[in-house]
Amino acid sequence: MSRRDLRERGDDASVAFDKPAKKGLGQHFLHERGVIDKMLLAIDPKPGERFVEIGPGQGALTFPLLDRHGALTAIEFDRDLLEPLRAAATAHGALTLIHADVMDVDFGALAAGEAFRLVGNLPYNLSSPILFHALAYAASIRDMHFMLQKEVVDRMAAPPGSKVYGRLSVMLQAYCDVTALFKVPPGAFRPPPKVDSAVVRLVPKAPTRIGIDDPARFEAVVRAAFGQRRKTLRNALSGVCDAEIIAAAGIDPQDRAERLAVADFVRLANVSAQSSAQSSAHASATDATPIR
């Protein structure tokens, strides 16, 4: 650890952060100042905003954010990092630590009616579950800036027709504007991971821009469509909606999932949901008809 690192992390940093990264938790601690500065520039914190960080680690992003913003809430699962973070944070600002698995955190309750900005260097082995967990609370989140495995960021931001365009791409792009920002090499971390990383921005869309009538049906359609990528939509969606519904949505049943835009999936799910609702209403009316 350099002298500059020690100054930025507080007087006790040399002894506070003395435990090695835990492989079982997927820990890779960011240390490259140039990368941190680029993340701060991308995040661009403003006075009066609320920030929540997932996995502060050894405070590489936490302390510069505190220097810029003054206050921050951080969710950390590793008990061994809590006291070092508290001790080092005193030189930078007001840090509120939540010791929890982020998957158990209710972001809606944390927001308490005031949307916050979410940042973090996510563990690569849990990145997708964390993304979907955050997505469930999109109404409570203004935007998200995450460090992730580059391969995951490529999938998140992939356009239709791309080899990596899939369920993750469609589900995230349906609810957020997704922008891949910049690549980060392995050497920016201790210990260095075996893959490149990247920073991504997600901005939740307003409900009027989403246009999904039935979120559960939308998820079911997307999951089934990409469950067997090489199959045509007619075959891949056979358990969800038939070829007539696919055609009614203006989509060729012989097409494949990777060729459909996000708006196509939204339209298909809405037509499917409407057809299902009409069938249920008809069945209810039939059941209610008195027997003479």
Foldseek 3Di string as FASTA:
>chain_A
DDPVVCVLQDVCLVPLLPDADDVVQLDWAFDDPVVLVVLCVVVVDDEPAAEEEEACDSPNNPQVCCQVHAEYEYEHQDPSNVVSNVRRNVVRHHYHYDHDDLLPDDLVVVLVVPAHAYEYAHRAVCVVVNVVSVLVVLVRHQKYKYKYFVLVLCQCCPFQPDPSPALNVLVQVLFWDKDWDDKAAQVSTVVGDPGIITMMMTGGDDPVSNQAPDVVLLSVLRCQLRVPQVAFQQVSCVVRDHQVLLVVLVHHSRHGDSNDGSVSSRSSSVSSVVVVVVVVVVVVVVVPDDDD
